[in-house]
N, C-alpha and C. Protein backbone atom coordinates (compact mmCIF):
# COMPACT_ATOMS: atom_id res chain seq x y z
N UNK A 1 78.39 24.01 103.93
CA UNK A 1 78.80 25.24 103.27
C UNK A 1 77.58 26.04 102.79
N UNK A 2 76.62 25.32 102.16
CA UNK A 2 75.44 26.02 101.66
C UNK A 2 74.63 26.63 102.79
N UNK A 3 74.51 25.91 103.90
CA UNK A 3 73.74 26.43 105.03
C UNK A 3 74.34 27.74 105.53
N UNK A 4 75.66 27.83 105.54
CA UNK A 4 76.32 29.06 105.97
C UNK A 4 75.99 30.23 105.05
N UNK A 5 75.93 29.96 103.75
CA UNK A 5 75.59 31.01 102.78
C UNK A 5 74.19 31.54 103.05
N UNK A 6 73.23 30.64 103.27
CA UNK A 6 71.86 31.06 103.51
C UNK A 6 71.73 31.78 104.85
N UNK A 7 72.50 31.36 105.83
CA UNK A 7 72.47 32.06 107.12
C UNK A 7 73.02 33.48 106.98
N UNK A 8 74.06 33.65 106.17
CA UNK A 8 74.60 34.99 105.92
C UNK A 8 73.54 35.85 105.23
N UNK A 9 72.81 35.28 104.29
CA UNK A 9 71.72 36.03 103.63
C UNK A 9 70.66 36.44 104.64
N UNK A 10 70.31 35.53 105.56
CA UNK A 10 69.32 35.85 106.59
C UNK A 10 69.81 36.99 107.47
N UNK A 11 71.07 36.92 107.90
CA UNK A 11 71.61 37.94 108.79
C UNK A 11 71.70 39.29 108.08
N UNK A 12 72.12 39.30 106.81
CA UNK A 12 72.18 40.55 106.06
C UNK A 12 70.79 41.18 105.92
N UNK A 13 69.81 40.37 105.58
CA UNK A 13 68.45 40.88 105.46
C UNK A 13 67.95 41.39 106.81
N UNK A 14 68.27 40.65 107.86
CA UNK A 14 67.88 41.08 109.21
C UNK A 14 68.53 42.40 109.58
N UNK A 15 69.81 42.55 109.30
CA UNK A 15 70.52 43.79 109.62
C UNK A 15 69.93 44.97 108.87
N UNK A 16 69.64 44.77 107.60
CA UNK A 16 69.10 45.85 106.77
C UNK A 16 67.75 46.31 107.32
N UNK A 17 66.86 45.34 107.60
CA UNK A 17 65.52 45.74 108.04
C UNK A 17 65.49 46.21 109.48
N UNK A 18 66.30 45.62 110.33
CA UNK A 18 66.35 46.10 111.70
C UNK A 18 66.93 47.52 111.75
N UNK A 19 67.98 47.74 110.96
CA UNK A 19 68.57 49.08 110.89
C UNK A 19 67.61 50.10 110.31
N UNK A 20 66.91 49.74 109.25
CA UNK A 20 65.95 50.66 108.63
C UNK A 20 64.78 50.94 109.56
N UNK A 21 64.33 49.91 110.27
CA UNK A 21 63.22 50.11 111.20
C UNK A 21 63.59 51.02 112.35
N UNK A 22 64.75 50.77 112.95
CA UNK A 22 65.19 51.62 114.06
C UNK A 22 65.48 53.03 113.59
N UNK A 23 66.02 53.16 112.39
CA UNK A 23 66.28 54.47 111.80
C UNK A 23 64.97 55.25 111.64
N UNK A 24 63.94 54.57 111.20
CA UNK A 24 62.63 55.21 111.05
C UNK A 24 62.06 55.67 112.38
N UNK A 25 62.27 54.89 113.42
CA UNK A 25 61.81 55.32 114.75
C UNK A 25 62.56 56.54 115.23
N UNK A 26 63.85 56.63 114.91
CA UNK A 26 64.60 57.84 115.28
C UNK A 26 64.00 59.06 114.61
N UNK A 27 63.65 58.92 113.33
CA UNK A 27 63.03 60.03 112.61
C UNK A 27 61.68 60.38 113.24
N UNK A 28 60.91 59.36 113.59
CA UNK A 28 59.59 59.57 114.16
C UNK A 28 59.68 60.30 115.51
N UNK A 29 60.73 59.99 116.29
CA UNK A 29 60.92 60.66 117.57
C UNK A 29 61.58 62.02 117.44
N UNK A 30 61.92 62.42 116.21
CA UNK A 30 62.46 63.75 115.98
C UNK A 30 63.98 63.84 115.99
N UNK A 31 64.67 62.71 116.01
CA UNK A 31 66.13 62.71 115.99
C UNK A 31 66.63 62.60 114.55
N UNK A 32 67.89 62.87 114.37
CA UNK A 32 68.52 62.68 113.06
C UNK A 32 68.73 61.19 112.81
N UNK A 33 68.49 60.72 111.59
CA UNK A 33 68.69 59.30 111.30
C UNK A 33 70.17 58.92 111.34
N UNK A 34 70.44 57.69 111.75
CA UNK A 34 71.82 57.19 111.79
C UNK A 34 72.32 56.81 110.41
N UNK A 35 71.42 56.28 109.58
CA UNK A 35 71.77 55.81 108.25
C UNK A 35 71.10 56.70 107.21
N UNK A 36 71.65 56.76 106.01
CA UNK A 36 71.03 57.60 104.98
C UNK A 36 69.60 57.14 104.67
N UNK A 37 68.71 58.08 104.52
CA UNK A 37 67.34 57.78 104.16
C UNK A 37 66.98 58.54 102.89
N UNK A 38 65.98 58.06 102.23
CA UNK A 38 65.48 58.73 101.04
C UNK A 38 64.52 59.83 101.48
N UNK A 39 64.85 61.09 101.22
CA UNK A 39 63.92 62.17 101.62
C UNK A 39 62.55 62.01 100.99
N UNK A 40 62.49 61.52 99.76
CA UNK A 40 61.19 61.33 99.11
C UNK A 40 60.38 60.24 99.80
N UNK A 41 61.08 59.19 100.26
CA UNK A 41 60.38 58.12 100.98
C UNK A 41 59.87 58.63 102.32
N UNK A 42 60.66 59.43 102.99
CA UNK A 42 60.22 59.96 104.28
C UNK A 42 59.05 60.93 104.09
N UNK A 43 59.04 61.68 102.99
CA UNK A 43 57.90 62.54 102.70
C UNK A 43 56.65 61.70 102.45
N UNK A 44 56.83 60.59 101.75
CA UNK A 44 55.72 59.70 101.45
C UNK A 44 55.16 59.07 102.73
N UNK A 45 56.05 58.57 103.58
CA UNK A 45 55.61 57.91 104.81
C UNK A 45 55.11 58.90 105.85
N UNK A 46 55.64 60.12 105.80
CA UNK A 46 55.22 61.15 106.75
C UNK A 46 55.73 60.84 108.15
N UNK A 47 55.02 61.36 109.13
CA UNK A 47 55.39 61.11 110.52
C UNK A 47 54.22 60.50 111.29
N UNK A 48 53.28 59.95 110.58
CA UNK A 48 52.09 59.42 111.23
C UNK A 48 52.11 57.91 111.35
N UNK A 49 50.91 57.35 111.26
CA UNK A 49 50.74 55.92 111.51
C UNK A 49 51.46 55.05 110.48
N UNK A 50 51.54 55.50 109.23
CA UNK A 50 52.14 54.67 108.19
C UNK A 50 53.63 54.44 108.46
N UNK A 51 54.32 55.47 108.88
CA UNK A 51 55.74 55.33 109.23
C UNK A 51 55.90 54.33 110.36
N UNK A 52 55.09 54.47 111.40
CA UNK A 52 55.19 53.57 112.55
C UNK A 52 54.84 52.14 112.16
N UNK A 53 53.82 51.97 111.34
CA UNK A 53 53.40 50.63 110.91
C UNK A 53 54.50 49.95 110.11
N UNK A 54 55.01 50.63 109.11
CA UNK A 54 56.03 50.04 108.24
C UNK A 54 57.31 49.75 109.03
N UNK A 55 57.73 50.69 109.85
CA UNK A 55 58.97 50.50 110.60
C UNK A 55 58.82 49.44 111.69
N UNK A 56 57.63 49.29 112.24
CA UNK A 56 57.39 48.22 113.22
C UNK A 56 57.50 46.86 112.56
N UNK A 57 56.92 46.73 111.38
CA UNK A 57 57.00 45.47 110.64
C UNK A 57 58.45 45.18 110.28
N UNK A 58 59.20 46.19 109.86
CA UNK A 58 60.60 45.99 109.52
C UNK A 58 61.40 45.53 110.73
N UNK A 59 61.20 46.16 111.88
CA UNK A 59 61.91 45.77 113.11
C UNK A 59 61.55 44.34 113.52
N UNK A 60 60.27 44.04 113.52
CA UNK A 60 59.82 42.71 113.92
C UNK A 60 60.38 41.64 112.99
N UNK A 61 60.33 41.88 111.70
CA UNK A 61 60.86 40.90 110.75
C UNK A 61 62.38 40.76 110.87
N UNK A 62 63.07 41.86 111.10
CA UNK A 62 64.51 41.79 111.31
C UNK A 62 64.85 40.94 112.52
N UNK A 63 64.11 41.12 113.60
CA UNK A 63 64.34 40.31 114.81
C UNK A 63 64.03 38.84 114.56
N UNK A 64 62.95 38.57 113.85
CA UNK A 64 62.58 37.18 113.57
C UNK A 64 63.65 36.49 112.72
N UNK A 65 64.22 37.21 111.77
CA UNK A 65 65.30 36.62 110.97
C UNK A 65 66.54 36.36 111.81
N UNK A 66 66.86 37.29 112.71
CA UNK A 66 68.01 37.09 113.60
C UNK A 66 67.82 35.87 114.49
N UNK A 67 66.62 35.73 115.03
CA UNK A 67 66.35 34.64 115.97
C UNK A 67 66.05 33.32 115.26
N UNK A 68 65.92 33.35 113.95
CA UNK A 68 65.59 32.18 113.14
C UNK A 68 64.25 31.58 113.54
N UNK A 69 63.28 32.42 113.73
CA UNK A 69 61.92 31.98 114.08
C UNK A 69 60.97 32.40 112.96
N UNK A 70 60.13 31.46 112.56
CA UNK A 70 59.10 31.72 111.55
C UNK A 70 59.68 32.37 110.29
N UNK A 71 60.81 31.85 109.83
CA UNK A 71 61.49 32.48 108.68
C UNK A 71 60.61 32.48 107.43
N UNK A 72 59.95 31.38 107.04
CA UNK A 72 59.09 31.46 105.85
C UNK A 72 57.99 32.51 105.98
N UNK A 73 57.36 32.59 107.15
CA UNK A 73 56.34 33.61 107.36
C UNK A 73 56.94 35.01 107.28
N UNK A 74 58.10 35.19 107.87
CA UNK A 74 58.78 36.48 107.83
C UNK A 74 59.09 36.88 106.40
N UNK A 75 59.54 35.92 105.59
CA UNK A 75 59.84 36.22 104.19
C UNK A 75 58.58 36.63 103.43
N UNK A 76 57.46 35.99 103.74
CA UNK A 76 56.21 36.37 103.08
C UNK A 76 55.74 37.75 103.51
N UNK A 77 55.94 38.09 104.76
CA UNK A 77 55.54 39.42 105.24
C UNK A 77 56.42 40.50 104.61
N UNK A 78 57.71 40.19 104.45
CA UNK A 78 58.64 41.17 103.87
C UNK A 78 58.48 41.34 102.36
N UNK A 79 57.95 40.34 101.68
CA UNK A 79 57.88 40.38 100.22
C UNK A 79 57.16 41.62 99.67
N UNK A 80 55.95 41.97 100.13
CA UNK A 80 55.32 43.18 99.58
C UNK A 80 56.08 44.45 99.92
N UNK A 81 56.72 44.49 101.09
CA UNK A 81 57.53 45.66 101.44
C UNK A 81 58.71 45.81 100.48
N UNK A 82 59.37 44.69 100.19
CA UNK A 82 60.54 44.73 99.33
C UNK A 82 60.14 45.10 97.90
N UNK A 83 59.04 44.55 97.42
CA UNK A 83 58.56 44.91 96.07
C UNK A 83 58.22 46.40 96.01
N UNK A 84 57.61 46.92 97.06
CA UNK A 84 57.28 48.34 97.12
C UNK A 84 58.56 49.19 97.16
N UNK A 85 59.55 48.76 97.93
CA UNK A 85 60.83 49.48 97.99
C UNK A 85 61.47 49.51 96.61
N UNK A 86 61.47 48.38 95.92
CA UNK A 86 62.05 48.33 94.57
C UNK A 86 61.30 49.26 93.62
N UNK A 87 59.97 49.18 93.61
CA UNK A 87 59.18 50.02 92.71
C UNK A 87 59.39 51.51 93.03
N UNK A 88 59.42 51.84 94.31
CA UNK A 88 59.61 53.23 94.71
C UNK A 88 60.95 53.76 94.20
N UNK A 89 62.00 52.96 94.36
CA UNK A 89 63.32 53.44 93.94
C UNK A 89 63.53 53.35 92.43
N UNK A 90 62.74 52.54 91.75
CA UNK A 90 62.82 52.51 90.29
C UNK A 90 62.15 53.74 89.68
N UNK A 91 61.01 54.14 90.24
CA UNK A 91 60.20 55.16 89.59
C UNK A 91 60.25 56.54 90.25
N UNK A 92 60.57 56.61 91.53
CA UNK A 92 60.51 57.89 92.22
C UNK A 92 61.89 58.40 92.62
N UNK A 93 62.68 57.55 93.23
CA UNK A 93 63.97 57.98 93.80
C UNK A 93 65.05 56.93 93.51
N UNK A 94 65.68 57.00 92.34
CA UNK A 94 66.64 55.95 91.95
C UNK A 94 67.97 55.98 92.71
N UNK A 95 68.14 56.92 93.62
CA UNK A 95 69.42 57.04 94.33
C UNK A 95 69.75 55.77 95.13
N UNK A 96 68.76 55.16 95.76
CA UNK A 96 69.00 53.97 96.57
C UNK A 96 68.57 52.68 95.86
N UNK A 97 68.50 52.72 94.54
CA UNK A 97 68.12 51.55 93.76
C UNK A 97 69.06 50.36 93.97
N UNK A 98 70.38 50.57 94.10
CA UNK A 98 71.24 49.41 94.36
C UNK A 98 70.88 48.65 95.64
N UNK A 99 70.49 49.37 96.68
CA UNK A 99 70.08 48.69 97.91
C UNK A 99 68.80 47.90 97.69
N UNK A 100 67.88 48.44 96.90
CA UNK A 100 66.64 47.72 96.60
C UNK A 100 66.94 46.45 95.82
N UNK A 101 67.89 46.50 94.92
CA UNK A 101 68.27 45.31 94.15
C UNK A 101 68.91 44.27 95.07
N UNK A 102 69.72 44.71 96.01
CA UNK A 102 70.31 43.78 96.99
C UNK A 102 69.19 43.11 97.80
N UNK A 103 68.20 43.89 98.20
CA UNK A 103 67.07 43.32 98.95
C UNK A 103 66.34 42.26 98.13
N UNK A 104 66.10 42.55 96.86
CA UNK A 104 65.42 41.57 95.99
C UNK A 104 66.26 40.30 95.86
N UNK A 105 67.55 40.45 95.69
CA UNK A 105 68.42 39.28 95.56
C UNK A 105 68.43 38.44 96.83
N UNK A 106 68.55 39.09 97.98
CA UNK A 106 68.54 38.35 99.25
C UNK A 106 67.21 37.65 99.47
N UNK A 107 66.12 38.38 99.24
CA UNK A 107 64.78 37.81 99.43
C UNK A 107 64.54 36.63 98.47
N UNK A 108 64.92 36.79 97.22
CA UNK A 108 64.73 35.72 96.24
C UNK A 108 65.54 34.49 96.61
N UNK A 109 66.75 34.70 97.04
CA UNK A 109 67.61 33.59 97.45
C UNK A 109 66.98 32.82 98.60
N UNK A 110 66.50 33.55 99.60
CA UNK A 110 65.92 32.89 100.76
C UNK A 110 64.57 32.25 100.44
N UNK A 111 63.76 32.88 99.59
CA UNK A 111 62.50 32.26 99.18
C UNK A 111 62.76 30.95 98.45
N UNK A 112 63.78 30.93 97.61
CA UNK A 112 64.12 29.71 96.89
C UNK A 112 64.60 28.64 97.86
N UNK A 113 65.39 29.03 98.84
CA UNK A 113 65.91 28.07 99.83
C UNK A 113 64.77 27.46 100.65
N UNK A 114 63.77 28.25 100.99
CA UNK A 114 62.64 27.77 101.80
C UNK A 114 61.42 27.41 100.96
N UNK A 115 61.62 27.15 99.68
CA UNK A 115 60.49 26.91 98.78
C UNK A 115 59.63 25.72 99.20
N UNK A 116 60.20 24.75 99.87
CA UNK A 116 59.42 23.61 100.33
C UNK A 116 58.33 23.99 101.32
N UNK A 117 58.52 25.05 102.03
CA UNK A 117 57.52 25.51 103.00
C UNK A 117 56.31 26.16 102.35
N UNK A 118 56.43 26.49 101.09
CA UNK A 118 55.35 27.21 100.41
C UNK A 118 54.54 26.33 99.47
N UNK A 119 54.89 25.04 99.37
CA UNK A 119 54.21 24.16 98.42
C UNK A 119 52.71 24.07 98.68
N UNK A 120 52.33 24.00 99.94
CA UNK A 120 50.89 23.89 100.23
C UNK A 120 50.15 25.20 99.92
N UNK A 121 50.84 26.32 99.99
CA UNK A 121 50.20 27.59 99.64
C UNK A 121 49.96 27.71 98.14
N UNK A 122 50.77 27.05 97.37
CA UNK A 122 50.70 27.18 95.92
C UNK A 122 49.96 26.02 95.25
N UNK A 123 49.30 25.16 96.02
CA UNK A 123 48.58 24.05 95.42
C UNK A 123 47.22 24.54 94.91
N UNK A 124 46.82 24.02 93.75
CA UNK A 124 45.56 24.44 93.14
C UNK A 124 44.36 23.97 93.94
N UNK A 125 44.44 22.76 94.46
CA UNK A 125 43.33 22.21 95.26
C UNK A 125 43.87 21.92 96.65
N UNK A 126 43.37 22.68 97.60
CA UNK A 126 43.84 22.48 98.97
C UNK A 126 43.02 21.39 99.65
N UNK A 127 43.65 20.73 100.59
CA UNK A 127 43.00 19.67 101.34
C UNK A 127 42.85 20.14 102.78
N UNK A 128 41.64 20.18 103.28
CA UNK A 128 41.45 20.64 104.67
C UNK A 128 41.99 19.61 105.66
N UNK A 129 42.40 20.10 106.81
CA UNK A 129 42.86 19.23 107.88
C UNK A 129 41.65 18.79 108.68
N UNK A 130 41.25 17.54 108.54
CA UNK A 130 40.03 17.02 109.18
C UNK A 130 40.31 16.46 110.56
N UNK A 131 41.55 16.53 111.01
CA UNK A 131 41.90 15.95 112.32
C UNK A 131 41.50 16.86 113.47
N UNK A 132 41.06 18.06 113.18
CA UNK A 132 40.71 19.01 114.24
C UNK A 132 39.34 18.74 114.78
């Protein structure tokens, strides 16, 4: 039962980021977005390299979550994006703040579920792998 809950969280996070990434590419190509976007966020990202970089990372991470590949790494890559999304909607454009809170909840839930994968990253004294 618990595994199903975490899989639903993964799929929801994947859908959100894959949808947001593809939506950003539509904007970049000059089409109307399929999903609502924050005009202030689009002004901030512009139509240059930053929009493409952020949306590429979102698409890639969404696909990785769907395929269940490198999930701990994907969660770490998404963490600064999600924190930035939350801060942006808290201080600049509160209209989409509920979505940012959902993202934080999903990310926190999945980070907690995969916490065993991060123990070596959080150790004070690391041990090198001498077998190489």
